PDB file of all heavy atoms in Angstrom:
ATOM      1  N   GLY A   1      -9.991  -1.235   7.238  1.00  0.00           N
ATOM      2  CA  GLY A   1      -8.632  -0.712   7.176  1.00  0.00           C
ATOM      3  C   GLY A   1      -7.890  -1.017   5.889  1.00  0.00           C
ATOM      4  O   GLY A   1      -6.670  -0.893   5.826  1.00  0.00           O
ATOM      5  N   TRP A   2      -8.615  -1.432   4.854  1.00  0.00           N
ATOM      6  CA  TRP A   2      -7.949  -1.757   3.587  1.00  0.00           C
ATOM      7  C   TRP A   2      -7.431  -0.490   2.935  1.00  0.00           C
ATOM      8  O   TRP A   2      -8.111   0.536   2.909  1.00  0.00           O
ATOM      9  CB  TRP A   2      -8.892  -2.505   2.655  1.00  0.00           C
ATOM     10  CG  TRP A   2      -9.250  -3.838   3.217  1.00  0.00           C
ATOM     11  CD1 TRP A   2     -10.427  -4.164   3.829  1.00  0.00           C
ATOM     12  CD2 TRP A   2      -8.427  -4.992   3.283  1.00  0.00           C
ATOM     13  NE1 TRP A   2     -10.378  -5.464   4.265  1.00  0.00           N
ATOM     14  CE2 TRP A   2      -9.159  -6.004   3.949  1.00  0.00           C
ATOM     15  CE3 TRP A   2      -7.134  -5.282   2.849  1.00  0.00           C
ATOM     16  CZ2 TRP A   2      -8.645  -7.265   4.171  1.00  0.00           C
ATOM     17  CZ3 TRP A   2      -6.631  -6.556   3.079  1.00  0.00           C
ATOM     18  CH2 TRP A   2      -7.379  -7.524   3.729  1.00  0.00           C
ATOM     19  N   MET A   3      -6.242  -0.571   2.404  1.00  0.00           N
ATOM     20  CA  MET A   3      -5.609   0.582   1.763  1.00  0.00           C
ATOM     21  C   MET A   3      -5.587   0.380   0.254  1.00  0.00           C
ATOM     22  O   MET A   3      -5.433  -0.750  -0.218  1.00  0.00           O
ATOM     23  CB  MET A   3      -4.186   0.752   2.288  1.00  0.00           C
ATOM     24  CG  MET A   3      -4.139   1.044   3.777  1.00  0.00           C
ATOM     25  SD  MET A   3      -2.462   1.224   4.398  1.00  0.00           S
ATOM     26  CE  MET A   3      -1.952  -0.494   4.492  1.00  0.00           C
ATOM     27  N   PRO A   4      -5.731   1.465  -0.482  1.00  0.00           N
ATOM     28  CA  PRO A   4      -5.644   1.340  -1.939  1.00  0.00           C
ATOM     29  C   PRO A   4      -4.259   0.841  -2.343  1.00  0.00           C
ATOM     30  O   PRO A   4      -3.266   1.141  -1.684  1.00  0.00           O
ATOM     31  CB  PRO A   4      -5.856   2.769  -2.452  1.00  0.00           C
ATOM     32  CG  PRO A   4      -6.446   3.511  -1.311  1.00  0.00           C
ATOM     33  CD  PRO A   4      -5.992   2.832  -0.064  1.00  0.00           C
ATOM     34  N   LYS A   5      -4.213   0.067  -3.380  1.00  0.00           N
ATOM     35  CA  LYS A   5      -2.944  -0.427  -3.926  1.00  0.00           C
ATOM     36  C   LYS A   5      -2.442   0.595  -4.933  1.00  0.00           C
ATOM     37  O   LYS A   5      -3.219   1.157  -5.701  1.00  0.00           O
ATOM     38  CB  LYS A   5      -3.149  -1.780  -4.592  1.00  0.00           C
ATOM     39  CG  LYS A   5      -1.852  -2.410  -5.089  1.00  0.00           C
ATOM     40  CD  LYS A   5      -2.085  -3.812  -5.576  1.00  0.00           C
ATOM     41  CE  LYS A   5      -2.188  -4.812  -4.481  1.00  0.00           C
ATOM     42  NZ  LYS A   5      -1.027  -5.089  -3.686  1.00  0.00           N
ATOM     43  N   GLU A   6      -1.148   0.827  -4.891  1.00  0.00           N
ATOM     44  CA  GLU A   6      -0.542   1.769  -5.825  1.00  0.00           C
ATOM     45  C   GLU A   6       0.451   1.029  -6.702  1.00  0.00           C
ATOM     46  O   GLU A   6       1.340   0.346  -6.209  1.00  0.00           O
ATOM     47  CB  GLU A   6       0.178   2.874  -5.048  1.00  0.00           C
ATOM     48  CG  GLU A   6      -0.134   4.240  -5.594  1.00  0.00           C
ATOM     49  CD  GLU A   6       0.464   5.344  -4.746  1.00  0.00           C
ATOM     50  OE1 GLU A   6      -0.144   5.692  -3.723  1.00  0.00           O
ATOM     51  OE2 GLU A   6       1.529   5.837  -5.142  1.00  0.00           O
ATOM     52  N   ILE A   7       0.275   1.167  -7.999  1.00  0.00           N
ATOM     53  CA  ILE A   7       1.200   0.578  -8.970  1.00  0.00           C
ATOM     54  C   ILE A   7       1.656   1.702  -9.891  1.00  0.00           C
ATOM     55  O   ILE A   7       0.836   2.378 -10.501  1.00  0.00           O
ATOM     56  CB  ILE A   7       0.530  -0.565  -9.762  1.00  0.00           C
ATOM     57  CG1 ILE A   7       0.137  -1.689  -8.792  1.00  0.00           C
ATOM     58  CG2 ILE A   7       1.447  -1.080 -10.860  1.00  0.00           C
ATOM     59  CD1 ILE A   7      -0.547  -2.864  -9.417  1.00  0.00           C
ATOM     60  N   GLU A   8       2.959   1.890  -9.926  1.00  0.00           N
ATOM     61  CA  GLU A   8       3.556   2.956 -10.741  1.00  0.00           C
ATOM     62  C   GLU A   8       2.938   4.320 -10.398  1.00  0.00           C
ATOM     63  O   GLU A   8       2.683   5.145 -11.275  1.00  0.00           O
ATOM     64  CB  GLU A   8       3.380   2.663 -12.233  1.00  0.00           C
ATOM     65  CG  GLU A   8       4.053   1.398 -12.702  1.00  0.00           C
ATOM     66  CD  GLU A   8       5.573   1.502 -12.744  1.00  0.00           C
ATOM     67  OE1 GLU A   8       6.085   2.586 -13.037  1.00  0.00           O
ATOM     68  OE2 GLU A   8       6.227   0.488 -12.473  1.00  0.00           O
ATOM     69  N   GLY A   9       2.641   4.521  -9.116  1.00  0.00           N
ATOM     70  CA  GLY A   9       2.101   5.801  -8.656  1.00  0.00           C
ATOM     71  C   GLY A   9       0.617   5.998  -8.908  1.00  0.00           C
ATOM     72  O   GLY A   9       0.064   7.046  -8.617  1.00  0.00           O
ATOM     73  N   LEU A  10      -0.046   4.993  -9.428  1.00  0.00           N
ATOM     74  CA  LEU A  10      -1.471   5.083  -9.755  1.00  0.00           C
ATOM     75  C   LEU A  10      -2.254   4.178  -8.808  1.00  0.00           C
ATOM     76  O   LEU A  10      -1.948   2.990  -8.666  1.00  0.00           O
ATOM     77  CB  LEU A  10      -1.685   4.633 -11.204  1.00  0.00           C
ATOM     78  CG  LEU A  10      -3.075   4.775 -11.788  1.00  0.00           C
ATOM     79  CD1 LEU A  10      -3.480   6.241 -11.888  1.00  0.00           C
ATOM     80  CD2 LEU A  10      -3.113   4.141 -13.170  1.00  0.00           C
ATOM     81  N   LYS A  11      -3.259   4.730  -8.113  1.00  0.00           N
ATOM     82  CA  LYS A  11      -4.100   3.922  -7.228  1.00  0.00           C
ATOM     83  C   LYS A  11      -5.050   3.090  -8.078  1.00  0.00           C
ATOM     84  O   LYS A  11      -5.713   3.611  -8.972  1.00  0.00           O
ATOM     85  CB  LYS A  11      -4.876   4.816  -6.266  1.00  0.00           C
ATOM     86  CG  LYS A  11      -3.988   5.462  -5.233  1.00  0.00           C
ATOM     87  CD  LYS A  11      -4.775   6.268  -4.241  1.00  0.00           C
ATOM     88  CE  LYS A  11      -3.827   6.863  -3.213  1.00  0.00           C
ATOM     89  NZ  LYS A  11      -4.514   7.679  -2.242  1.00  0.00           N
ATOM     90  N   VAL A  12      -5.084   1.786  -7.781  1.00  0.00           N
ATOM     91  CA  VAL A  12      -5.856   0.851  -8.605  1.00  0.00           C
ATOM     92  C   VAL A  12      -6.772  -0.011  -7.740  1.00  0.00           C
ATOM     93  O   VAL A  12      -6.567  -0.150  -6.541  1.00  0.00           O
ATOM     94  CB  VAL A  12      -4.923  -0.062  -9.442  1.00  0.00           C
ATOM     95  CG1 VAL A  12      -4.091   0.747 -10.416  1.00  0.00           C
ATOM     96  CG2 VAL A  12      -4.045  -0.918  -8.543  1.00  0.00           C
ATOM     97  N   ASP A  13      -7.774  -0.607  -8.367  1.00  0.00           N
ATOM     98  CA  ASP A  13      -8.645  -1.586  -7.729  1.00  0.00           C
ATOM     99  C   ASP A  13      -7.902  -2.922  -7.698  1.00  0.00           C
ATOM    100  O   ASP A  13      -7.141  -3.234  -8.609  1.00  0.00           O
ATOM    101  CB  ASP A  13      -9.926  -1.796  -8.552  1.00  0.00           C
ATOM    102  CG  ASP A  13     -10.698  -0.514  -8.817  1.00  0.00           C
ATOM    103  OD1 ASP A  13     -10.647   0.394  -7.992  1.00  0.00           O
ATOM    104  OD2 ASP A  13     -11.358  -0.446  -9.871  1.00  0.00           O
ATOM    105  N   TYR A  14      -8.160  -3.712  -6.649  1.00  0.00           N
ATOM    106  CA  TYR A  14      -7.530  -5.034  -6.601  1.00  0.00           C
ATOM    107  C   TYR A  14      -8.389  -6.017  -5.820  1.00  0.00           C
ATOM    108  O   TYR A  14      -9.165  -5.641  -4.960  1.00  0.00           O
ATOM    109  CB  TYR A  14      -6.124  -4.963  -5.999  1.00  0.00           C
ATOM    110  CG  TYR A  14      -6.056  -4.571  -4.539  1.00  0.00           C
ATOM    111  CD1 TYR A  14      -5.948  -5.532  -3.534  1.00  0.00           C
ATOM    112  CD2 TYR A  14      -6.072  -3.229  -4.157  1.00  0.00           C
ATOM    113  CE1 TYR A  14      -5.870  -5.168  -2.197  1.00  0.00           C
ATOM    114  CE2 TYR A  14      -5.989  -2.853  -2.821  1.00  0.00           C
ATOM    115  CZ  TYR A  14      -5.884  -3.834  -1.850  1.00  0.00           C
ATOM    116  OH  TYR A  14      -5.815  -3.467  -0.523  1.00  0.00           O
ATOM    117  N   TYR A  15      -8.224  -7.289  -6.200  1.00  0.00           N
ATOM    118  CA  TYR A  15      -8.906  -8.371  -5.501  1.00  0.00           C
ATOM    119  C   TYR A  15      -8.075  -8.807  -4.299  1.00  0.00           C
ATOM    120  O   TYR A  15      -6.857  -8.895  -4.379  1.00  0.00           O
ATOM    121  CB  TYR A  15      -9.126  -9.570  -6.424  1.00  0.00           C
ATOM    122  CG  TYR A  15     -10.135  -9.294  -7.506  1.00  0.00           C
ATOM    123  CD1 TYR A  15      -9.736  -9.056  -8.814  1.00  0.00           C
ATOM    124  CD2 TYR A  15     -11.486  -9.253  -7.203  1.00  0.00           C
ATOM    125  CE1 TYR A  15     -10.668  -8.796  -9.802  1.00  0.00           C
ATOM    126  CE2 TYR A  15     -12.430  -8.994  -8.193  1.00  0.00           C
ATOM    127  CZ  TYR A  15     -12.002  -8.762  -9.490  1.00  0.00           C
ATOM    128  OH  TYR A  15     -12.929  -8.507 -10.462  1.00  0.00           O
ATOM    129  N   GLN A  16      -8.752  -9.053  -3.197  1.00  0.00           N
ATOM    130  CA  GLN A  16      -8.112  -9.526  -1.970  1.00  0.00           C
ATOM    131  C   GLN A  16      -8.935 -10.700  -1.462  1.00  0.00           C
ATOM    132  O   GLN A  16     -10.098 -10.847  -1.819  1.00  0.00           O
ATOM    133  CB  GLN A  16      -8.089  -8.401  -0.930  1.00  0.00           C
ATOM    134  CG  GLN A  16      -7.411  -8.742   0.372  1.00  0.00           C
ATOM    135  CD  GLN A  16      -5.919  -9.014   0.200  1.00  0.00           C
ATOM    136  OE1 GLN A  16      -5.186  -8.193  -0.332  1.00  0.00           O
ATOM    137  NE2 GLN A  16      -5.490 -10.182   0.644  1.00  0.00           N
ATOM    138  N   TYR A  17      -8.331 -11.532  -0.647  1.00  0.00           N
ATOM    139  CA  TYR A  17      -9.082 -12.610  -0.025  1.00  0.00           C
ATOM    140  C   TYR A  17      -8.567 -12.847   1.380  1.00  0.00           C
ATOM    141  O   TYR A  17      -7.435 -12.497   1.719  1.00  0.00           O
ATOM    142  CB  TYR A  17      -8.974 -13.904  -0.838  1.00  0.00           C
ATOM    143  CG  TYR A  17      -7.650 -14.613  -0.691  1.00  0.00           C
ATOM    144  CD1 TYR A  17      -7.475 -15.592   0.280  1.00  0.00           C
ATOM    145  CD2 TYR A  17      -6.566 -14.288  -1.493  1.00  0.00           C
ATOM    146  CE1 TYR A  17      -6.262 -16.238   0.439  1.00  0.00           C
ATOM    147  CE2 TYR A  17      -5.355 -14.922  -1.344  1.00  0.00           C
ATOM    148  CZ  TYR A  17      -5.201 -15.895  -0.377  1.00  0.00           C
ATOM    149  OH  TYR A  17      -3.989 -16.522  -0.216  1.00  0.00           O
ATOM    150  N   LEU A  18      -9.414 -13.429   2.199  1.00  0.00           N
ATOM    151  CA  LEU A  18      -9.044 -13.929   3.514  1.00  0.00           C
ATOM    152  C   LEU A  18      -9.582 -15.345   3.596  1.00  0.00           C
ATOM    153  O   LEU A  18     -10.755 -15.595   3.303  1.00  0.00           O
ATOM    154  CB  LEU A  18      -9.650 -13.082   4.631  1.00  0.00           C
ATOM    155  CG  LEU A  18      -9.119 -11.658   4.765  1.00  0.00           C
ATOM    156  CD1 LEU A  18      -9.911 -10.907   5.831  1.00  0.00           C
ATOM    157  CD2 LEU A  18      -7.639 -11.658   5.105  1.00  0.00           C
ATOM    158  N   THR A  19      -8.727 -16.282   3.973  1.00  0.00           N
ATOM    159  CA  THR A  19      -9.152 -17.662   4.184  1.00  0.00           C
ATOM    160  C   THR A  19      -9.059 -17.955   5.671  1.00  0.00           C
ATOM    161  O   THR A  19      -8.014 -17.741   6.283  1.00  0.00           O
ATOM    162  CB  THR A  19      -8.272 -18.650   3.393  1.00  0.00           C
ATOM    163  OG1 THR A  19      -8.451 -18.403   2.002  1.00  0.00           O
ATOM    164  CG2 THR A  19      -8.662 -20.094   3.698  1.00  0.00           C
ATOM    165  N   TYR A  20     -10.158 -18.397   6.214  1.00  0.00           N
ATOM    166  CA  TYR A  20     -10.224 -18.740   7.631  1.00  0.00           C
ATOM    167  C   TYR A  20     -10.111 -20.263   7.749  1.00  0.00           C
ATOM    168  O   TYR A  20     -10.955 -20.995   7.228  1.00  0.00           O
ATOM    169  CB  TYR A  20     -11.544 -18.262   8.233  1.00  0.00           C
ATOM    170  CG  TYR A  20     -11.745 -16.771   8.083  1.00  0.00           C
ATOM    171  CD1 TYR A  20     -12.514 -16.253   7.040  1.00  0.00           C
ATOM    172  CD2 TYR A  20     -11.168 -15.877   8.975  1.00  0.00           C
ATOM    173  CE1 TYR A  20     -12.702 -14.888   6.896  1.00  0.00           C
ATOM    174  CE2 TYR A  20     -11.350 -14.505   8.843  1.00  0.00           C
ATOM    175  CZ  TYR A  20     -12.110 -14.020   7.804  1.00  0.00           C
ATOM    176  OH  TYR A  20     -12.292 -12.665   7.654  1.00  0.00           O
ATOM    177  N   LYS A  21      -9.064 -20.718   8.419  1.00  0.00           N
ATOM    178  CA  LYS A  21      -8.895 -22.151   8.660  1.00  0.00           C
ATOM    179  C   LYS A  21      -9.694 -22.497   9.908  1.00  0.00           C
ATOM    180  O   LYS A  21      -9.522 -21.878  10.960  1.00  0.00           O
ATOM    181  CB  LYS A  21      -7.421 -22.492   8.861  1.00  0.00           C
ATOM    182  CG  LYS A  21      -7.167 -23.969   9.046  1.00  0.00           C
ATOM    183  CD  LYS A  21      -5.688 -24.262   9.165  1.00  0.00           C
ATOM    184  CE  LYS A  21      -5.458 -25.760   9.324  1.00  0.00           C
ATOM    185  NZ  LYS A  21      -4.011 -26.047   9.471  1.00  0.00           N
ATOM    186  N   ILE A  22     -10.577 -23.481   9.772  1.00  0.00           N
ATOM    187  CA  ILE A  22     -11.464 -23.869  10.864  1.00  0.00           C
ATOM    188  C   ILE A  22     -11.021 -25.227  11.414  1.00  0.00           C
ATOM    189  O   ILE A  22     -10.881 -26.192  10.661  1.00  0.00           O
ATOM    190  CB  ILE A  22     -12.934 -23.977  10.375  1.00  0.00           C
ATOM    191  CG1 ILE A  22     -13.355 -22.749   9.555  1.00  0.00           C
ATOM    192  CG2 ILE A  22     -13.875 -24.243  11.540  1.00  0.00           C
ATOM    193  CD1 ILE A  22     -13.310 -21.452  10.291  1.00  0.00           C
ATOM    194  N   GLU A  23     -10.789 -25.265  12.718  1.00  0.00           N
ATOM    195  CA  GLU A  23     -10.459 -26.521  13.401  1.00  0.00           C
ATOM    196  C   GLU A  23     -11.359 -26.645  14.621  1.00  0.00           C
ATOM    197  O   GLU A  23     -11.397 -25.749  15.455  1.00  0.00           O
ATOM    198  CB  GLU A  23      -8.990 -26.541  13.819  1.00  0.00           C
ATOM    199  CG  GLU A  23      -8.027 -26.584  12.644  1.00  0.00           C
ATOM    200  CD  GLU A  23      -6.571 -26.618  13.067  1.00  0.00           C
ATOM    201  OE1 GLU A  23      -6.177 -25.869  13.988  1.00  0.00           O
ATOM    202  OE2 GLU A  23      -5.840 -27.407  12.449  1.00  0.00           O
ATOM    203  N   ASP A  24     -12.087 -27.759  14.678  1.00  0.00           N
ATOM    204  CA  ASP A  24     -13.026 -28.007  15.767  1.00  0.00           C
ATOM    205  C   ASP A  24     -14.006 -26.859  15.968  1.00  0.00           C
ATOM    206  O   ASP A  24     -14.337 -26.484  17.098  1.00  0.00           O
ATOM    207  CB  ASP A  24     -12.287 -28.308  17.071  1.00  0.00           C
ATOM    208  CG  ASP A  24     -11.496 -29.604  16.997  1.00  0.00           C
ATOM    209  OD1 ASP A  24     -11.980 -30.548  16.342  1.00  0.00           O
ATOM    210  OD2 ASP A  24     -10.401 -29.664  17.590  1.00  0.00           O
ATOM    211  N   GLY A  25     -14.442 -26.251  14.854  1.00  0.00           N
ATOM    212  CA  GLY A  25     -15.447 -25.199  14.889  1.00  0.00           C
ATOM    213  C   GLY A  25     -14.913 -23.808  15.187  1.00  0.00           C
ATOM    214  O   GLY A  25     -15.676 -22.849  15.229  1.00  0.00           O
TER     215      GLY A  25
END
């Protein structure tokens, strides 16, 4: 479901991250 990022009306590539916090597995 990731959507393209738009900057100044131009669709661009971008870096994204997800950090999963793990507690007790």
